[in-house]
Amino acid sequence: MADLVPADALELLACPEDKSALSLAPTDQVEALNAAIAAGKIRNRAGEAVSEAVRGGLVRADEAYLYPIRDFPILLVDEGIELSQLG
């Protein structure tokens, strides 16, 4: 997962909502998220169903939201995924 966002670039990125630091989501969290996406259980902050698997994610410092990484990080508030959906 570390190759998705170089460490020096990760230091420059921040949550688009509260400007807090972001960290790479652990592999097990990404796998659980993709399983939930495949099961149709995940919605983004805009309320839209998430149907496309993610390659990785950037987790906000308070661990409330994950911003998906597909070909590149998607740092839009509406694209954030509330991690409480993973139960």
Protein backbone atom coordinates (compact mmCIF):
# COMPACT_ATOMS: atom_id res chain seq x y z
CA MET A 1 0.00 0.00 0.00
CA ALA A 2 2.87 2.38 0.72
CA ASP A 3 3.58 2.71 -3.00
CA LEU A 4 0.12 4.23 -3.64
CA VAL A 5 1.16 7.58 -2.15
CA PRO A 6 4.85 8.38 -1.65
CA ALA A 7 5.72 9.34 1.95
CA ASP A 8 6.83 12.84 0.98
CA ALA A 9 3.53 13.44 -0.83
CA LEU A 10 1.50 12.01 2.07
CA GLU A 11 3.04 14.62 4.38
CA LEU A 12 1.58 17.36 2.15
CA LEU A 13 -1.96 15.97 1.96
CA ALA A 14 -4.72 16.92 4.39
CA CYS A 15 -8.38 16.18 4.91
CA PRO A 16 -10.38 18.49 2.62
CA GLU A 17 -12.92 19.11 5.38
CA ASP A 18 -10.97 19.75 8.58
CA LYS A 19 -7.39 19.94 7.26
CA SER A 20 -6.21 17.19 9.63
CA ALA A 21 -3.43 14.77 8.71
CA LEU A 22 -4.13 11.70 6.60
CA SER A 23 -2.55 8.27 6.84
CA LEU A 24 -2.64 5.25 4.57
CA ALA A 25 -5.38 2.78 5.44
CA PRO A 26 -4.08 -0.60 6.59
CA THR A 27 -4.46 -3.48 4.13
CA ASP A 28 -7.04 -5.28 6.28
CA GLN A 29 -9.22 -2.16 6.41
CA VAL A 30 -9.06 -1.78 2.61
CA GLU A 31 -9.97 -5.46 2.17
CA ALA A 32 -12.94 -5.10 4.56
CA LEU A 33 -14.07 -1.96 2.76
CA ASN A 34 -13.89 -3.67 -0.65
CA ALA A 35 -15.90 -6.62 0.67
CA ALA A 36 -18.56 -4.23 1.97
CA ILE A 37 -18.55 -2.33 -1.34
CA ALA A 38 -19.05 -5.63 -3.21
CA ALA A 39 -21.97 -6.42 -0.89
CA GLY A 40 -23.59 -3.05 -1.66
CA LYS A 41 -23.29 -1.80 1.93
CA ILE A 42 -21.23 1.37 1.47
CA ARG A 43 -22.33 4.92 0.71
CA ASN A 44 -20.17 8.00 0.39
CA ARG A 45 -20.85 11.26 2.22
CA ALA A 46 -23.01 12.45 -0.68
CA GLY A 47 -25.30 9.47 0.00
CA GLU A 48 -24.40 7.68 -3.22
CA ALA A 49 -23.75 3.95 -3.26
CA VAL A 50 -20.08 3.14 -3.76
CA SER A 51 -19.79 0.44 -6.40
CA GLU A 52 -16.12 0.63 -7.44
CA ALA A 53 -13.48 -1.13 -5.35
CA VAL A 54 -10.63 0.98 -4.01
CA ARG A 55 -6.89 0.33 -4.36
CA GLY A 56 -6.29 1.96 -0.99
CA GLY A 57 -7.45 4.78 1.19
CA LEU A 58 -6.37 7.80 3.18
CA VAL A 59 -7.78 7.87 6.68
CA ARG A 60 -8.47 11.12 8.51
CA ALA A 61 -6.64 11.65 11.82
CA ASP A 62 -9.81 11.00 13.88
CA GLU A 63 -10.36 7.78 11.88
CA ALA A 64 -13.93 8.80 11.06
CA TYR A 65 -13.54 8.96 7.27
CA LEU A 66 -11.54 7.34 4.51
CA TYR A 67 -10.85 9.04 1.21
CA PRO A 68 -10.56 6.44 -1.56
CA ILE A 69 -7.52 5.84 -3.70
CA ARG A 70 -8.36 4.52 -7.12
CA ASP A 71 -5.86 5.65 -9.76
CA PHE A 72 -5.07 8.59 -7.45
CA PRO A 73 -6.38 9.87 -4.08
CA ILE A 74 -9.90 11.34 -4.30
CA LEU A 75 -9.82 14.16 -1.77
CA LEU A 76 -13.36 15.48 -2.11
CA VAL A 77 -15.58 15.74 0.98
CA ASP A 78 -18.54 14.11 -0.82
CA GLU A 79 -16.39 11.11 -1.81
CA GLY A 80 -15.35 10.41 1.78
CA ILE A 81 -16.52 7.10 3.25
CA GLU A 82 -17.64 6.99 6.86
CA LEU A 83 -15.70 4.14 8.44
CA SER A 84 -18.46 3.37 10.95
CA GLN A 85 -20.18 1.61 8.03
CA LEU A 86 -17.64 -1.20 8.39
CA GLY A 87 -19.13 -1.96 11.80
